[in-house]
Amino acid sequence: MAVLIALGYFATSYLSITDNAFIVRVQTPVTSKVAGTVVEVLAKNGQFVKAGEVLVRLNPENYQLLFDSADALYEKGLTSLKALAKKVELSKHNLQAGRDNLAILKNQYLQKSHPSVLGGVPQIELSDLKHKMNAQENITSALADQLEIDQYEVEMAKNTLVTLKSARDQAAIALNDATIKAPADGQVQNVFLGLGRNVMPAEALFTLVNAGSVFVQANIEETDLAGIKQGDKVTIYPRIYLGSRSFEGVVVSNPFGVSRQITQPFSGNQIIATENKWLLLPQRLPVIIEVTNADSKYPLENGMSAYVRIRGQ
């Protein structure tokens, strides 16, 4: 008996075998991005779904009203911007007309103040013409200022329109999020969601087991880790299929460390747990393995236990 135990100990050490391993599947919690009341549950336990497929519907009435309001404000802002653009065009025309009138008055003044006709033109007429020129210059200057003000109002309206569009887009996103869709291809699990339930943002409703790679986490004693490296070939023996089906895999992650330090939060000093006085067992460190020949006839579900033998390169 002692010889057999010794042989088994050395054989397992040499072959890098562990029974402390389990299946790991990538899982995505299906959550709601908005608060709401469940009005329809389309997902069923065990159902295979595609990314974008509708799983749950929340009551959209409040979000529809918010979107309609934001959309109306955006359309109002768009119309206001168009009206201000027309106002700018009108101000440009008025300014040009003012400049043309000023040019006419200046031309008349130059003609009537010419030395060849100066004696035949009453001084009061020249004085009146000069006052009209000054008045028209002031009008033209005011029209130029008004045009500048109108252009500033257009810029302000554009900035306001950006804000209104952002609010409308956010309302559209919230309305769309009232329909909860599958984030990826996979199988739906743990669906126990009743109609009328109020859900909150980021609350997990059920689980989606993603289609794709299947992994195994093998917790191996540190005394057996020296020769293990990425790319090593692995044989996996799930306990559920022991004796009928094994799987091949490859090491995709070097052993990574685990936390053993416990720090007292007030003093900052470490707390060292009392160790076994008779036999201090080796620490186990996790090695991540990817299954390379997954078989749908023999499904590997998250958490299943397995034996693992790492064979090296």
Protein backbone atom coordinates (compact mmCIF):
# COMPACT_ATOMS: atom_id res chain seq x y z
CA MET A 1 0.00 0.00 0.00
CA ALA A 2 2.79 2.40 0.93
CA VAL A 3 4.61 1.63 -2.33
CA LEU A 4 1.47 2.26 -4.37
CA ILE A 5 0.86 5.57 -2.60
CA ALA A 6 4.45 6.63 -3.22
CA LEU A 7 4.26 5.64 -6.88
CA GLY A 8 0.99 7.51 -7.28
CA TYR A 9 2.48 10.61 -5.65
CA PHE A 10 5.53 10.67 -7.91
CA ALA A 11 3.45 9.83 -11.02
CA THR A 12 1.01 12.66 -10.44
CA SER A 13 3.86 15.08 -9.73
CA TYR A 14 5.60 14.10 -12.96
CA LEU A 15 2.47 14.15 -15.11
CA SER A 16 1.05 17.49 -13.77
CA ILE A 17 -2.40 16.11 -13.01
CA THR A 18 -5.01 17.87 -10.91
CA ASP A 19 -8.58 17.12 -9.91
CA ASN A 20 -9.15 20.75 -8.85
CA ALA A 21 -10.46 22.13 -12.14
CA PHE A 22 -13.77 23.41 -13.46
CA ILE A 23 -15.41 24.61 -16.68
CA VAL A 24 -15.61 28.37 -17.28
CA ARG A 25 -18.00 29.83 -19.86
CA VAL A 26 -18.11 33.51 -20.78
CA GLN A 27 -21.37 34.86 -19.38
CA THR A 28 -23.10 38.22 -19.82
CA PRO A 29 -25.74 39.37 -17.34
CA VAL A 30 -28.76 40.67 -19.24
CA THR A 31 -29.54 44.04 -17.68
CA SER A 32 -31.81 46.99 -18.31
CA LYS A 33 -30.25 50.37 -19.09
CA VAL A 34 -33.37 52.23 -17.95
CA ALA A 35 -35.90 51.90 -15.16
CA GLY A 36 -39.29 50.54 -16.11
CA THR A 37 -42.04 47.97 -15.72
CA VAL A 38 -41.84 44.62 -17.50
CA VAL A 39 -44.71 44.18 -19.96
CA GLU A 40 -43.41 41.28 -22.06
CA VAL A 41 -40.85 38.50 -21.55
CA LEU A 42 -39.83 36.79 -24.78
CA ALA A 43 -36.75 34.92 -23.49
CA LYS A 44 -37.10 31.35 -22.25
CA ASN A 45 -34.71 29.18 -20.30
CA GLY A 46 -32.41 27.23 -22.61
CA GLN A 47 -33.31 29.33 -25.65
CA PHE A 48 -30.52 30.05 -28.15
CA VAL A 49 -30.64 33.67 -29.31
CA LYS A 50 -28.77 35.89 -31.77
CA ALA A 51 -27.25 39.26 -30.94
CA GLY A 52 -29.92 41.96 -31.21
CA GLU A 53 -32.85 39.60 -30.67
CA VAL A 54 -35.56 41.07 -28.41
CA LEU A 55 -35.64 39.42 -24.97
CA VAL A 56 -37.73 41.72 -22.75
CA ARG A 57 -39.96 44.75 -23.31
CA LEU A 58 -40.53 47.47 -20.71
CA ASN A 59 -43.47 49.87 -20.69
CA PRO A 60 -42.36 52.55 -23.19
CA GLU A 61 -45.07 55.17 -22.53
CA ASN A 62 -43.02 57.54 -20.36
CA TYR A 63 -40.01 57.34 -22.67
CA GLN A 64 -42.25 57.89 -25.72
CA LEU A 65 -43.64 61.06 -24.13
CA LEU A 66 -40.14 62.29 -23.29
CA PHE A 67 -39.03 61.66 -26.86
CA ASP A 68 -42.08 63.40 -28.34
CA SER A 69 -41.44 66.45 -26.15
CA ALA A 70 -37.74 66.56 -27.02
CA ASP A 71 -38.51 66.08 -30.70
CA ALA A 72 -41.05 68.95 -30.66
CA LEU A 73 -38.52 71.26 -28.99
CA TYR A 74 -35.92 70.31 -31.57
CA GLU A 75 -38.31 71.02 -34.45
CA LYS A 76 -39.20 74.35 -32.84
CA GLY A 77 -35.50 75.21 -32.57
CA LEU A 78 -34.99 74.23 -36.20
CA THR A 79 -37.84 76.50 -37.29
CA SER A 80 -36.48 79.37 -35.18
CA LEU A 81 -33.09 78.96 -36.81
CA LYS A 82 -34.67 79.16 -40.26
CA ALA A 83 -36.57 82.32 -39.25
CA LEU A 84 -33.38 83.93 -37.93
CA ALA A 85 -31.57 83.03 -41.15
CA LYS A 86 -34.30 84.86 -43.10
CA LYS A 87 -33.96 87.80 -40.72
CA VAL A 88 -30.23 87.96 -41.46
CA GLU A 89 -30.95 88.01 -45.19
CA LEU A 90 -33.45 90.86 -44.67
CA SER A 91 -30.91 92.79 -42.60
CA LYS A 92 -28.34 92.35 -45.37
CA HIS A 93 -30.78 93.75 -47.93
CA ASN A 94 -31.65 96.71 -45.67
CA LEU A 95 -27.96 97.42 -45.10
CA GLN A 96 -27.27 97.34 -48.83
CA ALA A 97 -30.22 99.67 -49.47
CA GLY A 98 -28.92 102.05 -46.81
CA ARG A 99 -25.48 102.05 -48.38
CA ASP A 100 -26.99 102.69 -51.82
CA ASN A 101 -29.00 105.62 -50.47
CA LEU A 102 -25.90 107.02 -48.82
CA ALA A 103 -23.98 106.71 -52.08
CA ILE A 104 -26.78 108.61 -53.92
CA LEU A 105 -26.73 111.42 -51.34
CA LYS A 106 -22.95 111.66 -51.52
CA ASN A 107 -23.08 111.84 -55.31
CA GLN A 108 -25.70 114.59 -55.18
CA TYR A 109 -23.68 116.53 -52.68
CA LEU A 110 -20.53 116.26 -54.83
CA GLN A 111 -22.39 117.43 -57.90
CA LYS A 112 -24.11 120.39 -56.21
CA SER A 113 -20.99 121.48 -54.37
CA HIS A 114 -18.87 121.52 -57.53
CA PRO A 115 -17.34 124.98 -58.17
CA SER A 116 -18.94 125.16 -61.64
CA VAL A 117 -22.48 125.04 -60.19
CA LEU A 118 -21.87 126.18 -56.63
CA GLY A 119 -23.09 129.71 -57.32
CA GLY A 120 -26.47 128.51 -58.62
CA VAL A 121 -27.26 126.18 -55.69
CA PRO A 122 -28.72 127.65 -52.53
CA GLN A 123 -26.57 127.10 -49.45
CA ILE A 124 -29.57 125.92 -47.52
CA GLU A 125 -30.04 123.09 -49.99
CA LEU A 126 -26.40 122.02 -49.59
CA SER A 127 -26.72 122.18 -45.83
CA ASP A 128 -29.91 120.12 -45.92
CA LEU A 129 -28.22 117.57 -48.19
CA LYS A 130 -25.27 117.32 -45.84
CA HIS A 131 -27.59 116.66 -42.88
CA LYS A 132 -29.35 113.95 -44.89
CA MET A 133 -25.95 112.36 -45.62
CA ASN A 134 -25.06 112.35 -41.91
CA ALA A 135 -28.44 110.87 -41.03
CA GLN A 136 -28.08 108.19 -43.69
CA GLU A 137 -24.59 107.32 -42.40
CA ASN A 138 -26.08 106.79 -38.94
CA ILE A 139 -28.88 104.67 -40.41
CA THR A 140 -26.35 102.60 -42.35
CA SER A 141 -24.21 102.14 -39.23
CA ALA A 142 -27.29 101.05 -37.25
CA LEU A 143 -28.25 98.58 -39.98
CA ALA A 144 -24.73 97.13 -39.89
CA ASP A 145 -25.00 96.73 -36.11
CA GLN A 146 -28.41 95.10 -36.50
CA LEU A 147 -26.98 92.66 -39.03
CA GLU A 148 -24.21 91.74 -36.60
CA ILE A 149 -26.76 91.22 -33.82
CA ASP A 150 -28.86 89.00 -36.11
CA GLN A 151 -25.80 86.93 -37.00
CA TYR A 152 -25.01 86.47 -33.29
CA GLU A 153 -28.59 85.32 -32.75
CA VAL A 154 -28.16 82.76 -35.51
CA GLU A 155 -25.01 81.40 -33.83
CA MET A 156 -26.83 81.22 -30.49
CA ALA A 157 -29.73 79.41 -32.16
CA LYS A 158 -27.31 76.92 -33.70
CA ASN A 159 -25.77 76.18 -30.29
CA THR A 160 -29.23 75.81 -28.78
CA LEU A 161 -30.19 73.47 -31.61
CA VAL A 162 -27.17 71.28 -30.83
CA THR A 163 -28.36 71.03 -27.21
CA LEU A 164 -31.92 70.24 -28.31
CA LYS A 165 -30.70 67.59 -30.74
CA SER A 166 -28.62 66.01 -27.99
CA ALA A 167 -31.65 65.93 -25.69
CA ARG A 168 -33.76 64.38 -28.46
CA ASP A 169 -31.07 61.77 -29.20
CA GLN A 170 -30.84 60.87 -25.52
CA ALA A 171 -34.62 60.51 -25.35
CA ALA A 172 -34.50 58.29 -28.45
CA ILE A 173 -31.82 56.12 -26.84
CA ALA A 174 -33.88 55.78 -23.64
CA LEU A 175 -36.96 54.85 -25.70
CA ASN A 176 -34.93 52.25 -27.61
CA ASP A 177 -33.48 50.88 -24.35
CA ALA A 178 -37.01 50.10 -23.14
CA THR A 179 -36.65 47.12 -25.49
CA ILE A 180 -33.96 44.85 -24.01
CA LYS A 181 -32.02 42.91 -26.66
CA ALA A 182 -29.47 40.13 -26.59
CA PRO A 183 -25.94 41.64 -26.39
CA ALA A 184 -24.37 38.60 -28.09
CA ASP A 185 -25.11 35.15 -29.50
CA GLY A 186 -25.69 32.59 -26.78
CA GLN A 187 -28.06 30.59 -24.61
CA VAL A 188 -30.44 32.19 -22.15
CA GLN A 189 -30.42 30.83 -18.59
CA ASN A 190 -31.95 31.63 -15.21
CA VAL A 191 -35.07 33.38 -16.57
CA PHE A 192 -37.51 33.93 -13.70
CA LEU A 193 -38.91 37.34 -14.59
CA GLY A 194 -42.57 38.15 -14.05
CA LEU A 195 -44.78 40.67 -15.83
CA GLY A 196 -45.31 43.89 -13.91
CA ARG A 197 -41.96 43.74 -12.17
CA ASN A 198 -40.24 47.09 -11.79
CA VAL A 199 -36.58 46.93 -12.80
CA MET A 200 -33.76 49.37 -12.23
CA PRO A 201 -30.80 50.30 -14.47
CA ALA A 202 -27.90 47.79 -14.35
CA GLU A 203 -30.05 45.24 -12.50
CA ALA A 204 -29.30 41.70 -13.68
CA LEU A 205 -32.50 40.09 -14.97
CA PHE A 206 -31.06 36.75 -16.13
CA THR A 207 -27.93 35.31 -17.74
CA LEU A 208 -26.75 34.87 -21.31
CA VAL A 209 -24.11 32.16 -21.74
CA ASN A 210 -22.13 33.44 -24.71
CA ALA A 211 -21.51 31.22 -27.70
CA GLY A 212 -17.84 30.70 -28.49
CA SER A 213 -14.79 29.59 -26.55
CA VAL A 214 -14.98 27.26 -23.56
CA PHE A 215 -12.31 27.49 -20.87
CA VAL A 216 -11.13 25.43 -17.93
CA GLN A 217 -9.57 26.85 -14.79
CA ALA A 218 -7.17 24.33 -13.29
CA ASN A 219 -5.96 25.14 -9.78
CA ILE A 220 -2.57 23.45 -9.63
CA GLU A 221 -0.22 23.11 -6.67
CA GLU A 222 2.75 25.43 -6.87
CA THR A 223 5.13 22.45 -6.65
CA ASP A 224 3.83 21.29 -10.08
CA LEU A 225 3.97 24.63 -11.86
CA ALA A 226 7.65 24.92 -12.77
CA GLY A 227 7.34 23.44 -16.27
CA ILE A 228 3.91 24.78 -17.24
CA LYS A 229 3.81 27.50 -19.90
CA GLN A 230 1.56 28.94 -22.56
CA GLY A 231 0.96 26.61 -25.49
CA ASP A 232 1.19 23.39 -23.47
CA LYS A 233 -1.18 20.64 -24.62
CA VAL A 234 -3.83 19.52 -22.16
CA THR A 235 -6.24 16.61 -21.80
CA ILE A 236 -9.47 17.37 -19.94
CA TYR A 237 -11.65 14.72 -18.31
CA PRO A 238 -15.00 16.21 -17.18
CA ARG A 239 -16.35 14.18 -14.32
CA ILE A 240 -19.82 14.12 -15.89
CA TYR A 241 -18.41 12.28 -18.94
CA LEU A 242 -15.66 10.35 -17.15
CA GLY A 243 -14.90 7.18 -19.04
CA SER A 244 -16.94 8.18 -22.11
CA ARG A 245 -15.56 11.50 -23.38
CA SER A 246 -12.42 13.58 -22.92
CA PHE A 247 -11.42 16.89 -24.51
CA GLU A 248 -8.25 18.48 -25.77
CA GLY A 249 -7.08 21.93 -24.75
CA VAL A 250 -4.17 24.33 -24.68
CA VAL A 251 -2.77 26.50 -21.89
CA VAL A 252 -3.58 30.15 -22.73
CA SER A 253 -2.50 31.78 -19.48
CA ASN A 254 0.57 31.27 -17.36
CA PRO A 255 -0.19 30.60 -13.69
CA PHE A 256 -1.23 33.84 -12.05
CA GLY A 257 -1.05 34.70 -8.39
CA VAL A 258 -3.75 34.77 -5.76
CA SER A 259 -4.12 37.15 -2.84
CA ARG A 260 -2.86 35.89 0.52
CA GLN A 261 -2.41 39.19 2.33
CA ILE A 262 -5.02 40.46 4.75
CA THR A 263 -4.52 44.02 5.98
CA GLN A 264 -6.09 45.53 9.09
CA PRO A 265 -7.98 48.59 7.74
CA PHE A 266 -7.24 50.93 10.70
CA SER A 267 -3.60 50.25 11.48
CA GLY A 268 -2.48 49.10 8.03
CA ASN A 269 -0.73 46.07 9.52
CA GLN A 270 -1.01 42.63 7.95
CA ILE A 271 -2.96 39.87 9.64
CA ILE A 272 -1.20 36.49 9.34
CA ALA A 273 -3.55 33.56 9.72
CA THR A 274 -2.44 30.68 11.94
CA GLU A 275 -1.01 27.92 9.73
CA ASN A 276 -1.31 24.17 10.24
CA LYS A 277 1.44 23.30 12.71
CA TRP A 278 1.88 19.77 11.40
CA LEU A 279 1.65 19.96 7.60
CA LEU A 280 1.83 23.14 5.48
CA LEU A 281 0.20 22.31 2.15
CA PRO A 282 1.38 23.89 -1.13
CA GLN A 283 -0.60 26.85 -2.42
CA ARG A 284 -2.73 26.30 -5.52
CA LEU A 285 -2.48 28.80 -8.41
CA PRO A 286 -4.92 29.02 -11.35
CA VAL A 287 -3.97 28.06 -14.92
CA ILE A 288 -6.43 28.96 -17.70
CA ILE A 289 -6.95 26.40 -20.50
CA GLU A 290 -8.98 26.80 -23.69
CA VAL A 291 -10.88 23.74 -24.94
CA THR A 292 -9.99 23.17 -28.60
CA ASN A 293 -12.49 20.45 -29.54
CA ALA A 294 -15.75 21.34 -27.82
CA ASP A 295 -18.59 19.01 -28.81
CA SER A 296 -22.25 20.05 -28.81
CA LYS A 297 -23.21 16.43 -28.10
CA TYR A 298 -21.30 16.67 -24.83
CA PRO A 299 -21.99 20.20 -23.58
CA LEU A 300 -19.60 21.75 -21.10
CA GLU A 301 -21.53 23.97 -18.71
CA ASN A 302 -20.16 26.64 -16.43
CA GLY A 303 -18.96 25.24 -13.08
CA MET A 304 -18.67 21.55 -14.07
CA SER A 305 -15.71 19.90 -12.34
CA ALA A 306 -12.99 18.09 -14.27
CA TYR A 307 -9.65 16.35 -14.10
CA VAL A 308 -6.83 17.95 -16.09
CA ARG A 309 -3.53 16.53 -17.31
CA ILE A 310 -1.00 18.95 -18.76
CA ARG A 311 1.21 17.14 -21.28
CA GLY A 312 3.61 19.96 -22.26
CA GLN A 313 4.53 21.06 -25.78
